[in-house]
C-alpha atoms as a PDB file:
ATOM      1  CA  MET A   1    -109.974   2.587-280.062  1.00  0.00           C
ATOM      2  CA  ILE A   2    -107.819   4.638-277.716  1.00  0.00           C
ATOM      3  CA  ASN A   3    -104.236   5.207-278.747  1.00  0.00           C
ATOM      4  CA  VAL A   4    -101.917   4.761-275.752  1.00  0.00           C
ATOM      5  CA  ARG A   5     -99.321   7.124-277.233  1.00  0.00           C
ATOM      6  CA  HIS A   6    -102.037   9.814-277.428  1.00  0.00           C
ATOM      7  CA  ILE A   7    -102.814   9.406-273.716  1.00  0.00           C
ATOM      8  CA  PHE A   8     -99.181   9.672-272.609  1.00  0.00           C
ATOM      9  CA  ARG A   9     -98.487  12.657-274.879  1.00  0.00           C
ATOM     10  CA  ASN A  10    -101.257  14.643-273.196  1.00  0.00           C
ATOM     11  CA  ILE A  11    -100.253  13.937-269.600  1.00  0.00           C
ATOM     12  CA  ILE A  12     -99.419  17.069-267.669  1.00  0.00           C
ATOM     13  CA  VAL A  13     -97.397  16.991-264.480  1.00  0.00           C
ATOM     14  CA  PRO A  14     -99.016  17.965-261.146  1.00  0.00           C
ATOM     15  CA  GLY A  15     -98.902  21.700-260.508  1.00  0.00           C
ATOM     16  CA  ALA A  16     -99.303  22.568-264.180  1.00  0.00           C
ATOM     17  CA  PHE A  17    -101.612  25.334-265.362  1.00  0.00           C
ATOM     18  CA  ARG A  18    -104.779  24.684-267.366  1.00  0.00           C
ATOM     19  CA  ILE A  19    -106.991  27.048-269.307  1.00  0.00           C
ATOM     20  CA  PRO A  20    -110.465  25.510-269.794  1.00  0.00           C
ATOM     21  CA  LYS A  21    -112.309  25.744-273.121  1.00  0.00           C
ATOM     22  CA  THR A  22    -114.797  28.244-271.658  1.00  0.00           C
ATOM     23  CA  VAL A  23    -111.997  30.739-270.919  1.00  0.00           C
ATOM     24  CA  SER A  24    -110.474  33.312-273.295  1.00  0.00           C
ATOM     25  CA  VAL A  25    -107.228  35.075-272.425  1.00  0.00           C
ATOM     26  CA  ASN A  26    -106.333  38.438-273.973  1.00  0.00           C
ATOM     27  CA  GLY A  27    -102.657  38.904-273.221  1.00  0.00           C
ATOM     28  CA  SER A  28     -99.475  36.912-272.955  1.00  0.00           C
ATOM     29  CA  ILE A  29     -98.939  33.915-270.684  1.00  0.00           C
ATOM     30  CA  ASP A  30     -95.534  33.430-269.071  1.00  0.00           C
ATOM     31  CA  ALA A  31     -95.284  30.302-266.906  1.00  0.00           C
ATOM     32  CA  SER A  32     -92.443  28.387-265.304  1.00  0.00           C
ATOM     33  CA  VAL A  33     -94.520  25.181-265.234  1.00  0.00           C
ATOM     34  CA  SER A  34     -96.063  22.939-267.892  1.00  0.00           C
ATOM     35  CA  GLY A  35     -99.605  23.590-269.036  1.00  0.00           C
ATOM     36  CA  ARG A  36    -102.606  22.705-271.141  1.00  0.00           C
ATOM     37  CA  ILE A  37    -104.748  25.112-273.114  1.00  0.00           C
ATOM     38  CA  ASP A  38    -108.296  24.138-274.033  1.00  0.00           C
ATOM     39  CA  GLY A  39    -109.620  27.693-274.533  1.00  0.00           C
ATOM     40  CA  ASN A  40    -108.586  30.717-276.588  1.00  0.00           C
ATOM     41  CA  VAL A  41    -105.459  32.821-276.127  1.00  0.00           C
ATOM     42  CA  ARG A  42    -104.685  36.105-277.894  1.00  0.00           C
ATOM     43  CA  GLY A  43    -101.041  36.684-277.043  1.00  0.00           C
ATOM     44  CA  ASP A  44     -97.741  34.865-276.730  1.00  0.00           C
ATOM     45  CA  VAL A  45     -97.485  31.717-274.604  1.00  0.00           C
ATOM     46  CA  LYS A  46     -94.139  31.077-272.891  1.00  0.00           C
ATOM     47  CA  THR A  47     -93.407  28.124-270.649  1.00  0.00           C
ATOM     48  CA  SER A  48     -90.236  26.402-269.512  1.00  0.00           C
ATOM     49  CA  GLY A  49     -92.095  23.079-269.530  1.00  0.00           C
ATOM     50  CA  LYS A  50     -94.415  21.135-271.810  1.00  0.00           C
ATOM     51  CA  LEU A  51     -97.411  22.771-273.468  1.00  0.00           C
ATOM     52  CA  VAL A  52    -100.443  20.871-274.768  1.00  0.00           C
ATOM     53  CA  VAL A  53    -102.802  22.679-277.146  1.00  0.00           C
ATOM     54  CA  SER A  54    -106.047  20.678-277.222  1.00  0.00           C
ATOM     55  CA  GLU A  55    -108.476  20.223-280.124  1.00  0.00           C
ATOM     56  CA  THR A  56    -110.728  22.983-278.784  1.00  0.00           C
ATOM     57  CA  ALA A  57    -107.876  25.478-278.322  1.00  0.00           C
ATOM     58  CA  SER A  58    -106.914  28.438-280.478  1.00  0.00           C
ATOM     59  CA  ILE A  59    -103.747  30.477-279.898  1.00  0.00           C
ATOM     60  CA  ARG A  60    -103.137  33.734-281.763  1.00  0.00           C
ATOM     61  CA  GLY A  61     -99.551  34.481-280.829  1.00  0.00           C
ATOM     62  CA  HIS A  62     -96.104  32.921-280.681  1.00  0.00           C
ATOM     63  CA  ILE A  63     -95.364  29.834-278.576  1.00  0.00           C
ATOM     64  CA  TYR A  64     -92.105  29.303-276.666  1.00  0.00           C
ATOM     65  CA  ALA A  65     -91.784  25.988-274.787  1.00  0.00           C
ATOM     66  CA  THR A  66     -89.538  23.023-274.068  1.00  0.00           C
ATOM     67  CA  ASP A  67     -91.986  20.443-275.487  1.00  0.00           C
ATOM     68  CA  LEU A  68     -95.189  20.965-277.437  1.00  0.00           C
ATOM     69  CA  VAL A  69     -98.184  18.853-278.452  1.00  0.00           C
ATOM     70  CA  VAL A  70    -100.662  20.526-280.819  1.00  0.00           C
ATOM     71  CA  HIS A  71    -104.137  19.189-281.549  1.00  0.00           C
ATOM     72  CA  GLY A  72    -105.816  22.588-282.064  1.00  0.00           C
ATOM     73  CA  LYS A  73    -105.091  25.824-283.921  1.00  0.00           C
ATOM     74  CA  VAL A  74    -101.991  28.011-283.631  1.00  0.00           C
ATOM     75  CA  TYR A  75    -101.692  31.295-285.529  1.00  0.00           C
ATOM     76  CA  GLY A  76     -98.089  32.348-284.894  1.00  0.00           C
ATOM     77  CA  ASP A  77     -94.519  31.093-284.849  1.00  0.00           C
ATOM     78  CA  VAL A  78     -93.524  28.173-282.639  1.00  0.00           C
ATOM     79  CA  TYR A  79     -90.123  27.923-280.876  1.00  0.00           C
ATOM     80  CA  ILE A  80     -89.538  24.575-279.127  1.00  0.00           C
ATOM     81  CA  SER A  81     -86.207  23.734-277.497  1.00  0.00           C
ATOM     82  CA  ASN A  82     -86.833  19.968-277.418  1.00  0.00           C
ATOM     83  CA  LYS A  83     -89.673  18.102-279.182  1.00  0.00           C
ATOM     84  CA  ALA A  84     -92.776  19.288-281.006  1.00  0.00           C
ATOM     85  CA  HIS A  85     -95.602  16.940-281.970  1.00  0.00           C
ATOM     86  CA  ILE A  86     -98.273  18.154-284.387  1.00  0.00           C
ATOM     87  CA  SER A  87    -101.290  15.851-284.580  1.00  0.00           C
ATOM     88  CA  ASN A  88    -103.408  15.039-287.617  1.00  0.00           C
ATOM     89  CA  LYS A  89    -106.144  17.465-286.458  1.00  0.00           C
ATOM     90  CA  ALA A  90    -103.811  20.416-285.898  1.00  0.00           C
ATOM     91  CA  LEU A  91    -103.493  23.657-287.860  1.00  0.00           C
ATOM     92  CA  VAL A  92    -100.339  25.761-287.494  1.00  0.00           C
ATOM     93  CA  LYS A  93    -100.150  29.005-289.470  1.00  0.00           C
ATOM     94  CA  GLY A  94     -96.611  30.097-288.772  1.00  0.00           C
ATOM     95  CA  ASP A  95     -93.035  28.885-288.733  1.00  0.00           C
ATOM     96  CA  VAL A  96     -92.157  25.828-286.648  1.00  0.00           C
ATOM     97  CA  ASN A  97     -88.712  25.870-285.001  1.00  0.00           C
ATOM     98  CA  ALA A  98     -87.830  22.705-283.057  1.00  0.00           C
ATOM     99  CA  MET A  99     -84.930  20.368-282.416  1.00  0.00           C
ATOM    100  CA  VAL A 100     -87.149  17.274-282.898  1.00  0.00           C
ATOM    101  CA  LEU A 101     -90.345  17.435-284.922  1.00  0.00           C
ATOM    102  CA  GLU A 102     -93.092  14.852-285.331  1.00  0.00           C
ATOM    103  CA  ILE A 103     -95.925  15.626-287.746  1.00  0.00           C
ATOM    104  CA  GLU A 104     -98.816  13.227-288.218  1.00  0.00           C
ATOM    105  CA  GLU A 105    -100.339  12.691-291.650  1.00  0.00           C
ATOM    106  CA  GLY A 106    -103.212  15.123-292.098  1.00  0.00           C
ATOM    107  CA  ALA A 107    -101.707  17.942-290.041  1.00  0.00           C
ATOM    108  CA  VAL A 108    -101.623  21.374-291.678  1.00  0.00           C
ATOM    109  CA  VAL A 109     -98.512  23.524-291.283  1.00  0.00           C
ATOM    110  CA  GLU A 110     -98.497  26.766-293.270  1.00  0.00           C
ATOM    111  CA  GLY A 111     -95.014  28.120-292.699  1.00  0.00           C
ATOM    112  CA  ALA A 112     -91.351  27.186-292.724  1.00  0.00           C
ATOM    113  CA  ILE A 113     -90.004  24.269-290.736  1.00  0.00           C
ATOM    114  CA  ARG A 114     -86.599  24.849-289.175  1.00  0.00           C
ATOM    115  CA  LYS A 115     -84.320  22.801-286.976  1.00  0.00           C
ATOM    116  CA  ASN A 116     -83.383  25.598-284.603  1.00  0.00           C
ATOM    117  CA  VAL A 117     -85.062  27.105-281.570  1.00  0.00           C
ATOM    118  CA  GLN A 118     -83.989  30.735-281.318  1.00  0.00           C
ATOM    119  CA  PRO A 119     -86.176  33.469-282.775  1.00  0.00           C
ATOM    120  CA  VAL A 120     -84.456  34.814-285.876  1.00  0.00           C
ATOM    121  CA  GLN A 121     -83.090  38.318-285.373  1.00  0.00           C
ATOM    122  CA  LYS A 122     -81.613  40.198-288.280  1.00  0.00           C
ATOM    123  CA  ASN A 123     -78.181  41.525-287.386  1.00  0.00           C
ATOM    124  CA  GLU A 124     -74.580  41.117-288.525  1.00  0.00           C
ATOM    125  CA  HIS A 125     -73.724  38.304-286.075  1.00  0.00           C
ATOM    126  CA  THR A 126     -76.731  36.065-286.730  1.00  0.00           C
ATOM    127  CA  THR A 127     -76.366  33.204-289.174  1.00  0.00           C
ATOM    128  CA  GLU A 128     -79.274  32.006-291.241  1.00  0.00           C
ATOM    129  CA  PRO A 129     -81.220  29.136-289.640  1.00  0.00           C
ATOM    130  CA  GLU A 130     -81.074  25.645-291.100  1.00  0.00           C
ATOM    131  CA  GLU A 131     -84.269  25.441-293.135  1.00  0.00           C
ATOM    132  CA  VAL A 132     -85.944  22.240-294.218  1.00  0.00           C
ATOM    133  CA  LYS A 133     -87.412  22.300-297.695  1.00  0.00           C
ATOM    134  CA  ILE A 134     -90.106  19.832-298.604  1.00  0.00           C
ATOM    135  CA  SER A 135     -90.198  19.094-302.318  1.00  0.00           C
ATOM    136  CA  ALA A 136     -92.578  17.227-304.571  1.00  0.00           C
ATOM    137  CA  PRO A 137     -91.921  13.579-305.548  1.00  0.00           C
ATOM    138  CA  ALA A 138     -89.257  13.048-308.220  1.00  0.00           C
ATOM    139  CA  ASP A 139     -91.762  12.315-310.977  1.00  0.00           C
ATOM    140  CA  VAL A 140     -93.519  15.627-310.289  1.00  0.00           C
ATOM    141  CA  ALA A 141     -90.501  17.793-309.520  1.00  0.00           C
ATOM    142  CA  GLY A 142     -88.528  16.427-312.436  1.00  0.00           C
ATOM    143  CA  SER A 143     -85.187  16.066-310.625  1.00  0.00           C
ATOM    144  CA  HIS A 144     -84.232  13.585-307.921  1.00  0.00           C
ATOM    145  CA  GLU A 145     -80.878  15.327-307.379  1.00  0.00           C
ATOM    146  CA  GLU A 146     -82.627  18.399-305.979  1.00  0.00           C
ATOM    147  CA  GLU A 147     -84.280  16.304-303.227  1.00  0.00           C
ATOM    148  CA  GLU A 148     -80.951  14.871-302.051  1.00  0.00           C
ATOM    149  CA  GLN A 149     -79.527  18.356-301.431  1.00  0.00           C
ATOM    150  CA  ASN A 150     -82.293  19.385-299.011  1.00  0.00           C
ATOM    151  CA  THR A 151     -81.733  18.954-295.286  1.00  0.00           C
ATOM    152  CA  SER A 152     -84.338  17.044-293.340  1.00  0.00           C
ATOM    153  CA  TRP A 153     -85.113  15.035-290.232  1.00  0.00           C
ATOM    154  CA  PHE A 154     -86.044  12.062-292.416  1.00  0.00           C
END
């Protein structure tokens, strides 16, 4: 059965770039258009549009985009200024920074989840980002009050 939401999430506008699964890129990608990656990238990926990382894709570097859909593997931090969607087949080993975040059940995210989009720079004028903490259920954690204090999208 084909999920209609899945089809629309993966649509890329005309004029977008595409890296096929038979292509490996060693170096950063900086694009002013949306794109789809089916191959391997070793380097940062920056786009001012939407980026789709397919099931066959692997990115070893940071991602900077307006919107993001991940079905493959990302080994690096993710900075999304609008919406990030992480599918149930995705693996993200790094921090996820997005204004809106959608994570399907079964997705693996090994890193912090933050509701901000700017890369964190340590200096006197930078405030700490708003971090979302995911805690165990009340019967496991032992205290329901602790859960209520955490900030979340939920």
